[in-house]
PDB file of N, CA and C in Angstrom:
ATOM      1  N   MET A   1     -18.294  18.563 -25.478  1.00  0.00           N
ATOM      2  CA  MET A   1     -17.545  17.422 -24.601  1.00  0.00           C
ATOM      3  C   MET A   1     -18.274  17.360 -23.296  1.00  0.00           C
ATOM      4  N   THR A   2     -18.714  16.131 -22.775  1.00  0.00           N
ATOM      5  CA  THR A   2     -19.308  15.977 -21.402  1.00  0.00           C
ATOM      6  C   THR A   2     -18.741  15.163 -20.685  1.00  0.00           C
ATOM      7  N   ASP A   3     -18.194  15.559 -19.396  1.00  0.00           N
ATOM      8  CA  ASP A   3     -17.426  14.569 -18.605  1.00  0.00           C
ATOM      9  C   ASP A   3     -18.481  14.040 -17.826  1.00  0.00           C
ATOM     10  N   LYS A   4     -18.360  12.573 -17.608  1.00  0.00           N
ATOM     11  CA  LYS A   4     -19.120  11.919 -16.571  1.00  0.00           C
ATOM     12  C   LYS A   4     -18.533  11.898 -15.234  1.00  0.00           C
ATOM     13  N   ILE A   5     -19.480  12.040 -14.235  1.00  0.00           N
ATOM     14  CA  ILE A   5     -19.048  12.038 -12.597  1.00  0.00           C
ATOM     15  C   ILE A   5     -19.407  10.765 -12.248  1.00  0.00           C
ATOM     16  N   HIS A   6     -18.451  10.064 -11.715  1.00  0.00           N
ATOM     17  CA  HIS A   6     -19.036   8.615 -11.297  1.00  0.00           C
ATOM     18  C   HIS A   6     -18.736   8.707  -9.611  1.00  0.00           C
ATOM     19  N   ARG A   7     -19.579   8.115  -8.909  1.00  0.00           N
ATOM     20  CA  ARG A   7     -19.628   7.838  -7.599  1.00  0.00           C
ATOM     21  C   ARG A   7     -18.412   7.352  -7.026  1.00  0.00           C
ATOM     22  N   TRP A   8     -17.472   7.220  -6.219  1.00  0.00           N
ATOM     23  CA  TRP A   8     -16.272   6.780  -5.630  1.00  0.00           C
ATOM     24  C   TRP A   8     -16.613   5.472  -4.920  1.00  0.00           C
ATOM     25  N   SER A   9     -16.103   4.479  -5.316  1.00  0.00           N
ATOM     26  CA  SER A   9     -16.261   3.200  -4.825  1.00  0.00           C
ATOM     27  C   SER A   9     -15.538   3.034  -3.633  1.00  0.00           C
ATOM     28  N   GLY A  10     -14.615   3.788  -3.209  1.00  0.00           N
ATOM     29  CA  GLY A  10     -13.913   3.481  -1.808  1.00  0.00           C
ATOM     30  C   GLY A  10     -12.657   2.911  -2.298  1.00  0.00           C
ATOM     31  N   ASN A  11     -12.451   2.574  -3.402  1.00  0.00           N
ATOM     32  CA  ASN A  11     -11.015   1.985  -3.931  1.00  0.00           C
ATOM     33  C   ASN A  11     -10.713   2.683  -5.298  1.00  0.00           C
ATOM     34  N   ILE A  12      -9.643   3.685  -5.203  1.00  0.00           N
ATOM     35  CA  ILE A  12      -9.430   4.239  -6.490  1.00  0.00           C
ATOM     36  C   ILE A  12      -8.872   3.278  -7.650  1.00  0.00           C
ATOM     37  N   PHE A  13      -8.321   2.023  -7.230  1.00  0.00           N
ATOM     38  CA  PHE A  13      -7.743   1.157  -8.317  1.00  0.00           C
ATOM     39  C   PHE A  13      -9.255   0.539  -9.000  1.00  0.00           C
ATOM     40  N   ALA A  14     -10.075   0.222  -8.429  1.00  0.00           N
ATOM     41  CA  ALA A  14     -11.542  -0.210  -8.935  1.00  0.00           C
ATOM     42  C   ALA A  14     -11.839   1.111  -9.838  1.00  0.00           C
ATOM     43  N   ASP A  15     -11.947   1.992  -9.318  1.00  0.00           N
ATOM     44  CA  ASP A  15     -12.763   3.061 -10.030  1.00  0.00           C
ATOM     45  C   ASP A  15     -11.795   3.466 -11.276  1.00  0.00           C
ATOM     46  N   MET A  16     -10.490   3.018 -11.394  1.00  0.00           N
ATOM     47  CA  MET A  16      -9.675   3.032 -12.623  1.00  0.00           C
ATOM     48  C   MET A  16      -9.670   2.139 -13.650  1.00  0.00           C
ATOM     49  N   GLY A  17     -10.551   1.007 -13.242  1.00  0.00           N
ATOM     50  CA  GLY A  17     -10.828  -0.159 -14.067  1.00  0.00           C
ATOM     51  C   GLY A  17     -10.106  -1.494 -13.931  1.00  0.00           C
ATOM     52  N   PHE A  18      -9.280  -1.349 -12.714  1.00  0.00           N
ATOM     53  CA  PHE A  18      -8.765  -2.807 -12.649  1.00  0.00           C
ATOM     54  C   PHE A  18      -9.703  -3.898 -11.890  1.00  0.00           C
ATOM     55  N   PRO A  19      -9.261  -5.047 -12.226  1.00  0.00           N
ATOM     56  CA  PRO A  19     -10.203  -6.109 -12.059  1.00  0.00           C
ATOM     57  C   PRO A  19     -10.293  -6.328 -10.444  1.00  0.00           C
ATOM     58  N   LYS A  20     -11.585  -6.351  -9.683  1.00  0.00           N
ATOM     59  CA  LYS A  20     -11.707  -6.373  -8.310  1.00  0.00           C
ATOM     60  C   LYS A  20     -10.512  -7.007  -7.564  1.00  0.00           C
ATOM     61  N   PRO A  21     -10.388  -8.280  -7.925  1.00  0.00           N
ATOM     62  CA  PRO A  21      -9.232  -8.795  -7.025  1.00  0.00           C
ATOM     63  C   PRO A  21      -7.894  -8.197  -6.990  1.00  0.00           C
ATOM     64  N   GLU A  22      -7.422  -7.335  -8.086  1.00  0.00           N
ATOM     65  CA  GLU A  22      -6.342  -6.880  -8.357  1.00  0.00           C
ATOM     66  C   GLU A  22      -6.490  -5.401  -7.706  1.00  0.00           C
ATOM     67  N   ALA A  23      -7.452  -4.913  -7.922  1.00  0.00           N
ATOM     68  CA  ALA A  23      -7.954  -3.645  -7.106  1.00  0.00           C
ATOM     69  C   ALA A  23      -7.863  -3.717  -5.655  1.00  0.00           C
ATOM     70  N   VAL A  24      -8.181  -4.759  -4.961  1.00  0.00           N
ATOM     71  CA  VAL A  24      -8.254  -4.772  -3.681  1.00  0.00           C
ATOM     72  C   VAL A  24      -6.770  -5.062  -3.172  1.00  0.00           C
ATOM     73  N   SER A  25      -5.873  -5.837  -3.807  1.00  0.00           N
ATOM     74  CA  SER A  25      -4.577  -5.984  -3.629  1.00  0.00           C
ATOM     75  C   SER A  25      -3.629  -4.664  -3.665  1.00  0.00           C
ATOM     76  N   LEU A  26      -3.976  -3.995  -4.631  1.00  0.00           N
ATOM     77  CA  LEU A  26      -3.357  -2.642  -4.865  1.00  0.00           C
ATOM     78  C   LEU A  26      -3.514  -1.807  -3.820  1.00  0.00           C
ATOM     79  N   LEU A  27      -4.811  -1.715  -3.336  1.00  0.00           N
ATOM     80  CA  LEU A  27      -5.213  -0.765  -2.383  1.00  0.00           C
ATOM     81  C   LEU A  27      -4.602  -1.141  -1.055  1.00  0.00           C
ATOM     82  N   LEU A  28      -4.506  -2.312  -0.683  1.00  0.00           N
ATOM     83  CA  LEU A  28      -3.848  -2.858   0.585  1.00  0.00           C
ATOM     84  C   LEU A  28      -2.451  -2.477   0.379  1.00  0.00           C
ATOM     85  N   ARG A  29      -1.766  -2.859  -0.713  1.00  0.00           N
ATOM     86  CA  ARG A  29      -0.294  -2.505  -0.758  1.00  0.00           C
ATOM     87  C   ARG A  29       0.072  -1.008  -0.715  1.00  0.00           C
ATOM     88  N   ALA A  30      -0.886  -0.285  -1.206  1.00  0.00           N
ATOM     89  CA  ALA A  30      -0.808   1.231  -1.330  1.00  0.00           C
ATOM     90  C   ALA A  30      -0.682   1.544   0.025  1.00  0.00           C
ATOM     91  N   ASP A  31      -1.607   1.128   0.859  1.00  0.00           N
ATOM     92  CA  ASP A  31      -1.924   1.499   2.335  1.00  0.00           C
ATOM     93  C   ASP A  31      -0.653   1.299   3.111  1.00  0.00           C
ATOM     94  N   LEU A  32      -0.017   0.102   3.013  1.00  0.00           N
ATOM     95  CA  LEU A  32       1.036  -0.428   3.679  1.00  0.00           C
ATOM     96  C   LEU A  32       2.297   0.233   3.345  1.00  0.00           C
ATOM     97  N   MET A  33       2.359   0.687   1.961  1.00  0.00           N
ATOM     98  CA  MET A  33       3.504   1.476   1.617  1.00  0.00           C
ATOM     99  C   MET A  33       3.584   2.966   2.226  1.00  0.00           C
ATOM    100  N   ILE A  34       2.420   3.309   2.285  1.00  0.00           N
ATOM    101  CA  ILE A  34       2.145   4.801   2.908  1.00  0.00           C
ATOM    102  C   ILE A  34       2.484   4.637   4.445  1.00  0.00           C
ATOM    103  N   ARG A  35       2.068   3.842   5.075  1.00  0.00           N
ATOM    104  CA  ARG A  35       2.266   3.541   6.423  1.00  0.00           C
ATOM    105  C   ARG A  35       3.914   3.476   6.694  1.00  0.00           C
ATOM    106  N   ILE A  36       4.596   2.650   5.800  1.00  0.00           N
ATOM    107  CA  ILE A  36       6.165   2.462   6.094  1.00  0.00           C
ATOM    108  C   ILE A  36       6.731   3.632   5.929  1.00  0.00           C
ATOM    109  N   THR A  37       6.286   4.179   4.623  1.00  0.00           N
ATOM    110  CA  THR A  37       6.902   5.754   4.386  1.00  0.00           C
ATOM    111  C   THR A  37       6.822   6.660   5.402  1.00  0.00           C
ATOM    112  N   ALA A  38       5.679   6.667   6.085  1.00  0.00           N
ATOM    113  CA  ALA A  38       5.326   7.655   6.890  1.00  0.00           C
ATOM    114  C   ALA A  38       6.207   7.495   8.197  1.00  0.00           C
ATOM    115  N   GLU A  39       6.406   6.275   8.628  1.00  0.00           N
ATOM    116  CA  GLU A  39       7.267   5.865   9.860  1.00  0.00           C
ATOM    117  C   GLU A  39       8.738   6.106   9.546  1.00  0.00           C
ATOM    118  N   LEU A  40       9.156   5.838   8.089  1.00  0.00           N
ATOM    119  CA  LEU A  40      10.435   6.226   8.016  1.00  0.00           C
ATOM    120  C   LEU A  40      10.687   7.535   8.019  1.00  0.00           C
ATOM    121  N   GLU A  41       9.855   8.475   7.664  1.00  0.00           N
ATOM    122  CA  GLU A  41       9.762   9.809   7.605  1.00  0.00           C
ATOM    123  C   GLU A  41       9.974  10.418   9.054  1.00  0.00           C
ATOM    124  N   ARG A  42       8.875   9.799   9.919  1.00  0.00           N
ATOM    125  CA  ARG A  42       8.750  10.138  11.243  1.00  0.00           C
ATOM    126  C   ARG A  42      10.151   9.968  11.913  1.00  0.00           C
ATOM    127  N   ARG A  43      10.727   9.008  11.590  1.00  0.00           N
ATOM    128  CA  ARG A  43      12.053   8.709  12.369  1.00  0.00           C
ATOM    129  C   ARG A  43      13.203   9.606  11.733  1.00  0.00           C
ATOM    130  N   LYS A  44      12.768  10.178  10.445  1.00  0.00           N
ATOM    131  CA  LYS A  44      13.955  10.845   9.980  1.00  0.00           C
ATOM    132  C   LYS A  44      15.080  10.333   9.414  1.00  0.00           C
ATOM    133  N   LEU A  45      14.799   9.155   8.973  1.00  0.00           N
ATOM    134  CA  LEU A  45      15.998   8.342   8.449  1.00  0.00           C
ATOM    135  C   LEU A  45      16.172   8.615   6.901  1.00  0.00           C
ATOM    136  N   THR A  46      17.308   8.435   6.655  1.00  0.00           N
ATOM    137  CA  THR A  46      17.606   8.644   5.111  1.00  0.00           C
ATOM    138  C   THR A  46      17.502   7.216   4.492  1.00  0.00           C
ATOM    139  N   GLN A  47      17.630   7.455   3.099  1.00  0.00           N
ATOM    140  CA  GLN A  47      17.049   6.137   2.417  1.00  0.00           C
ATOM    141  C   GLN A  47      18.285   4.936   2.627  1.00  0.00           C
ATOM    142  N   GLN A  48      19.691   5.446   3.026  1.00  0.00           N
ATOM    143  CA  GLN A  48      20.536   4.453   3.332  1.00  0.00           C
ATOM    144  C   GLN A  48      20.253   3.933   4.605  1.00  0.00           C
ATOM    145  N   GLN A  49      19.884   4.682   5.683  1.00  0.00           N
ATOM    146  CA  GLN A  49      19.669   4.100   7.085  1.00  0.00           C
ATOM    147  C   GLN A  49      18.422   3.392   7.021  1.00  0.00           C
ATOM    148  N   SER A  50      17.500   3.786   6.293  1.00  0.00           N
ATOM    149  CA  SER A  50      16.136   2.814   6.183  1.00  0.00           C
ATOM    150  C   SER A  50      16.298   1.508   5.514  1.00  0.00           C
ATOM    151  N   ALA A  51      17.376   1.469   4.509  1.00  0.00           N
ATOM    152  CA  ALA A  51      17.701   0.179   3.836  1.00  0.00           C
ATOM    153  C   ALA A  51      18.458  -0.767   4.914  1.00  0.00           C
ATOM    154  N   LYS A  52      19.275  -0.081   5.428  1.00  0.00           N
ATOM    155  CA  LYS A  52      19.850  -0.925   6.659  1.00  0.00           C
ATOM    156  C   LYS A  52      19.074  -1.559   7.602  1.00  0.00           C
ATOM    157  N   LEU A  53      18.133  -0.442   8.317  1.00  0.00           N
ATOM    158  CA  LEU A  53      17.077  -0.977   9.060  1.00  0.00           C
ATOM    159  C   LEU A  53      16.174  -2.189   8.598  1.00  0.00           C
ATOM    160  N   LEU A  54      15.656  -2.084   7.523  1.00  0.00           N
ATOM    161  CA  LEU A  54      14.767  -3.122   6.915  1.00  0.00           C
ATOM    162  C   LEU A  54      15.418  -4.321   6.101  1.00  0.00           C
ATOM    163  N   GLY A  55      16.865  -4.227   6.122  1.00  0.00           N
ATOM    164  CA  GLY A  55      17.657  -5.257   5.402  1.00  0.00           C
ATOM    165  C   GLY A  55      17.421  -5.283   3.887  1.00  0.00           C
ATOM    166  N   VAL A  56      17.419  -4.331   3.238  1.00  0.00           N
ATOM    167  CA  VAL A  56      17.154  -4.277   1.880  1.00  0.00           C
ATOM    168  C   VAL A  56      18.113  -3.077   1.218  1.00  0.00           C
ATOM    169  N   THR A  57      17.880  -2.941   0.024  1.00  0.00           N
ATOM    170  CA  THR A  57      18.904  -2.190  -0.613  1.00  0.00           C
ATOM    171  C   THR A  57      18.253  -0.826  -0.648  1.00  0.00           C
ATOM    172  N   GLN A  58      19.317   0.230  -0.840  1.00  0.00           N
ATOM    173  CA  GLN A  58      18.828   1.691  -0.930  1.00  0.00           C
ATOM    174  C   GLN A  58      17.681   1.955  -2.275  1.00  0.00           C
ATOM    175  N   PRO A  59      18.121   1.249  -3.372  1.00  0.00           N
ATOM    176  CA  PRO A  59      17.100   1.306  -4.530  1.00  0.00           C
ATOM    177  C   PRO A  59      15.880   0.882  -4.005  1.00  0.00           C
ATOM    178  N   ARG A  60      15.685  -0.274  -3.198  1.00  0.00           N
ATOM    179  CA  ARG A  60      14.396  -0.712  -2.873  1.00  0.00           C
ATOM    180  C   ARG A  60      13.519   0.391  -1.983  1.00  0.00           C
ATOM    181  N   ILE A  61      14.398   1.014  -1.119  1.00  0.00           N
ATOM    182  CA  ILE A  61      13.604   2.138  -0.346  1.00  0.00           C
ATOM    183  C   ILE A  61      13.144   3.347  -1.275  1.00  0.00           C
ATOM    184  N   SER A  62      13.897   3.633  -2.265  1.00  0.00           N
ATOM    185  CA  SER A  62      13.429   4.683  -3.418  1.00  0.00           C
ATOM    186  C   SER A  62      12.331   3.921  -4.011  1.00  0.00           C
ATOM    187  N   HIS A  63      12.079   2.900  -4.466  1.00  0.00           N
ATOM    188  CA  HIS A  63      11.116   2.306  -5.085  1.00  0.00           C
ATOM    189  C   HIS A  63       9.746   2.165  -4.099  1.00  0.00           C
ATOM    190  N   LEU A  64      10.077   1.985  -2.827  1.00  0.00           N
ATOM    191  CA  LEU A  64       9.037   2.136  -1.839  1.00  0.00           C
ATOM    192  C   LEU A  64       8.503   3.749  -1.613  1.00  0.00           C
ATOM    193  N   ARG A  65       9.404   4.659  -1.767  1.00  0.00           N
ATOM    194  CA  ARG A  65       9.205   6.060  -1.682  1.00  0.00           C
ATOM    195  C   ARG A  65       8.277   6.690  -2.628  1.00  0.00           C
ATOM    196  N   THR A  66       8.505   6.089  -3.803  1.00  0.00           N
ATOM    197  CA  THR A  66       8.183   6.600  -5.257  1.00  0.00           C
ATOM    198  C   THR A  66       6.776   5.925  -5.688  1.00  0.00           C
ATOM    199  N   GLY A  67       6.470   4.886  -4.598  1.00  0.00           N
ATOM    200  CA  GLY A  67       5.077   4.325  -4.925  1.00  0.00           C
ATOM    201  C   GLY A  67       4.959   3.209  -5.911  1.00  0.00           C
ATOM    202  N   ARG A  68       6.179   2.488  -6.155  1.00  0.00           N
ATOM    203  CA  ARG A  68       6.158   1.391  -7.248  1.00  0.00           C
ATOM    204  C   ARG A  68       5.614   0.132  -6.835  1.00  0.00           C
ATOM    205  N   ILE A  69       4.113   0.303  -6.683  1.00  0.00           N
ATOM    206  CA  ILE A  69       3.454  -0.822  -5.932  1.00  0.00           C
ATOM    207  C   ILE A  69       3.531  -2.275  -6.594  1.00  0.00           C
ATOM    208  N   GLY A  70       3.840  -2.389  -8.003  1.00  0.00           N
ATOM    209  CA  GLY A  70       3.898  -3.572  -8.417  1.00  0.00           C
ATOM    210  C   GLY A  70       5.441  -4.124  -8.073  1.00  0.00           C
ATOM    211  N   LEU A  71       6.139  -3.583  -7.386  1.00  0.00           N
ATOM    212  CA  LEU A  71       7.530  -4.167  -7.021  1.00  0.00           C
ATOM    213  C   LEU A  71       7.395  -4.650  -5.719  1.00  0.00           C
ATOM    214  N   PHE A  72       6.263  -4.558  -5.066  1.00  0.00           N
ATOM    215  CA  PHE A  72       6.272  -5.134  -3.459  1.00  0.00           C
ATOM    216  C   PHE A  72       4.911  -5.929  -3.562  1.00  0.00           C
ATOM    217  N   SER A  73       5.195  -7.137  -2.899  1.00  0.00           N
ATOM    218  CA  SER A  73       4.211  -8.167  -2.397  1.00  0.00           C
ATOM    219  C   SER A  73       3.666  -7.733  -0.902  1.00  0.00           C
ATOM    220  N   LEU A  74       2.492  -8.056  -0.732  1.00  0.00           N
ATOM    221  CA  LEU A  74       1.976  -7.896   0.773  1.00  0.00           C
ATOM    222  C   LEU A  74       2.967  -8.457   1.883  1.00  0.00           C
ATOM    223  N   ASP A  75       3.575  -9.720   1.584  1.00  0.00           N
ATOM    224  CA  ASP A  75       4.419 -10.213   2.476  1.00  0.00           C
ATOM    225  C   ASP A  75       5.453  -9.452   2.576  1.00  0.00           C
ATOM    226  N   THR A  76       6.036  -8.830   1.671  1.00  0.00           N
ATOM    227  CA  THR A  76       7.125  -8.037   1.716  1.00  0.00           C
ATOM    228  C   THR A  76       6.941  -6.952   2.852  1.00  0.00           C
ATOM    229  N   LEU A  77       5.636  -6.312   2.294  1.00  0.00           N
ATOM    230  CA  LEU A  77       5.536  -5.001   3.222  1.00  0.00           C
ATOM    231  C   LEU A  77       4.961  -5.090   4.622  1.00  0.00           C
ATOM    232  N   VAL A  78       4.508  -6.426   4.984  1.00  0.00           N
ATOM    233  CA  VAL A  78       4.175  -6.876   6.423  1.00  0.00           C
ATOM    234  C   VAL A  78       5.425  -7.017   6.848  1.00  0.00           C
ATOM    235  N   ASP A  79       6.463  -7.580   6.295  1.00  0.00           N
ATOM    236  CA  ASP A  79       7.764  -7.893   6.991  1.00  0.00           C
ATOM    237  C   ASP A  79       8.242  -6.634   7.353  1.00  0.00           C
ATOM    238  N   MET A  80       8.291  -5.480   6.363  1.00  0.00           N
ATOM    239  CA  MET A  80       9.084  -4.298   6.648  1.00  0.00           C
ATOM    240  C   MET A  80       8.531  -3.615   7.712  1.00  0.00           C
ATOM    241  N   LEU A  81       6.976  -3.597   7.932  1.00  0.00           N
ATOM    242  CA  LEU A  81       6.275  -3.081   9.074  1.00  0.00           C
ATOM    243  C   LEU A  81       6.905  -3.652  10.279  1.00  0.00           C
ATOM    244  N   THR A  82       7.087  -4.952  10.256  1.00  0.00           N
ATOM    245  CA  THR A  82       7.543  -5.950  11.645  1.00  0.00           C
ATOM    246  C   THR A  82       8.762  -5.360  11.708  1.00  0.00           C
ATOM    247  N   GLN A  83       9.789  -5.269  10.953  1.00  0.00           N
ATOM    248  CA  GLN A  83      10.940  -4.751  11.230  1.00  0.00           C
ATOM    249  C   GLN A  83      10.873  -3.132  11.805  1.00  0.00           C
ATOM    250  N   LEU A  84       9.962  -2.747  11.556  1.00  0.00           N
ATOM    251  CA  LEU A  84       9.863  -1.264  12.075  1.00  0.00           C
ATOM    252  C   LEU A  84       9.027  -1.172  13.697  1.00  0.00           C
ATOM    253  N   GLY A  85       8.805  -2.480  13.976  1.00  0.00           N
ATOM    254  CA  GLY A  85       8.209  -2.627  15.134  1.00  0.00           C
ATOM    255  C   GLY A  85       6.493  -2.475  15.263  1.00  0.00           C
ATOM    256  N   MET A  86       6.188  -2.317  14.258  1.00  0.00           N
ATOM    257  CA  MET A  86       4.731  -2.374  14.051  1.00  0.00           C
ATOM    258  C   MET A  86       3.819  -3.608  13.863  1.00  0.00           C
ATOM    259  N   SER A  87       2.762  -3.672  14.188  1.00  0.00           N
ATOM    260  CA  SER A  87       1.804  -5.036  13.850  1.00  0.00           C
ATOM    261  C   SER A  87       0.905  -4.518  12.853  1.00  0.00           C
ATOM    262  N   VAL A  88       0.657  -5.686  12.142  1.00  0.00           N
ATOM    263  CA  VAL A  88      -0.266  -5.584  11.283  1.00  0.00           C
ATOM    264  C   VAL A  88      -1.635  -6.527  11.482  1.00  0.00           C
ATOM    265  N   THR A  89      -2.995  -5.857  11.375  1.00  0.00           N
ATOM    266  CA  THR A  89      -4.023  -6.573  11.772  1.00  0.00           C
ATOM    267  C   THR A  89      -4.998  -6.796  10.454  1.00  0.00           C
ATOM    268  N   ILE A  90      -5.130  -7.861   9.937  1.00  0.00           N
ATOM    269  CA  ILE A  90      -6.071  -8.066   8.925  1.00  0.00           C
ATOM    270  C   ILE A  90      -7.573  -8.505   9.447  1.00  0.00           C
ATOM    271  N   THR A  91      -8.588  -7.639   9.102  1.00  0.00           N
ATOM    272  CA  THR A  91      -9.961  -7.784   9.272  1.00  0.00           C
ATOM    273  C   THR A  91     -10.643  -8.244   8.213  1.00  0.00           C
ATOM    274  N   THR A  92     -11.665  -9.219   8.299  1.00  0.00           N
ATOM    275  CA  THR A  92     -12.536  -9.661   7.108  1.00  0.00           C
ATOM    276  C   THR A  92     -13.919  -9.351   7.619  1.00  0.00           C
ATOM    277  N   THR A  93     -14.658  -9.043   6.382  1.00  0.00           N
ATOM    278  CA  THR A  93     -15.872  -8.788   6.816  1.00  0.00           C
ATOM    279  C   THR A  93     -16.644  -9.317   5.598  1.00  0.00           C
ATOM    280  N   ARG A  94     -17.998  -9.695   5.891  1.00  0.00           N
ATOM    281  CA  ARG A  94     -18.797 -10.141   4.740  1.00  0.00           C
ATOM    282  C   ARG A  94     -19.539  -8.974   4.108  1.00  0.00           C
ATOM    283  N   LYS A  95     -19.569  -8.882   2.969  1.00  0.00           N
ATOM    284  CA  LYS A  95     -20.177  -7.513   2.285  1.00  0.00           C
ATOM    285  C   LYS A  95     -21.719  -7.963   2.242  1.00  0.00           C
ATOM    286  N   ARG A  96     -22.374  -6.674   2.485  1.00  0.00           N
ATOM    287  CA  ARG A  96     -23.915  -6.827   2.315  1.00  0.00           C
ATOM    288  C   ARG A  96     -24.114  -6.749   0.949  1.00  0.00           C
ATOM    289  N   ARG A  97     -25.175  -7.600   0.479  1.00  0.00           N
ATOM    290  CA  ARG A  97     -25.726  -7.654  -0.791  1.00  0.00           C
ATOM    291  C   ARG A  97     -26.451  -6.527  -0.864  1.00  0.00           C
ATOM    292  N   ARG A  98     -26.527  -5.792  -2.158  1.00  0.00           N
ATOM    293  CA  ARG A  98     -27.277  -4.605  -2.470  1.00  0.00           C
ATOM    294  C   ARG A  98     -28.721  -5.187  -2.839  1.00  0.00           C
ATOM    295  N   ALA A  99     -29.862  -4.374  -2.561  1.00  0.00           N
ATOM    296  CA  ALA A  99     -31.046  -4.773  -2.775  1.00  0.00           C
ATOM    297  C   ALA A  99     -31.251  -4.370  -4.341  1.00  0.00           C
ATOM    298  N   ALA A 100     -31.904  -5.435  -5.154  1.00  0.00           N
ATOM    299  CA  ALA A 100     -31.914  -5.113  -6.653  1.00  0.00           C
ATOM    300  C   ALA A 100     -32.929  -4.396  -6.870  1.00  0.00           C
TER     301      ALA A 100
END
């Protein structure tokens, strides 16, 4: 049996075979979830305290901390970051075309 080695694209979800638009969304949501979780941990908040601060239920915090990406929209995650006093900046760039 021979394993193939693939070059990393910079997006694990694309590498796993998700369609490009979905892979981009998943990567963005994963990054925001990681940042929210890191901030909650930095503040040493319990799930109950985190839920109260963010105006959500404790199970919602559990879903956030266990990486249930499909349960969170970008809007929801941006709102949570705002509640934590953080700002979110979105930068867009035009991709360069590869030479054929």
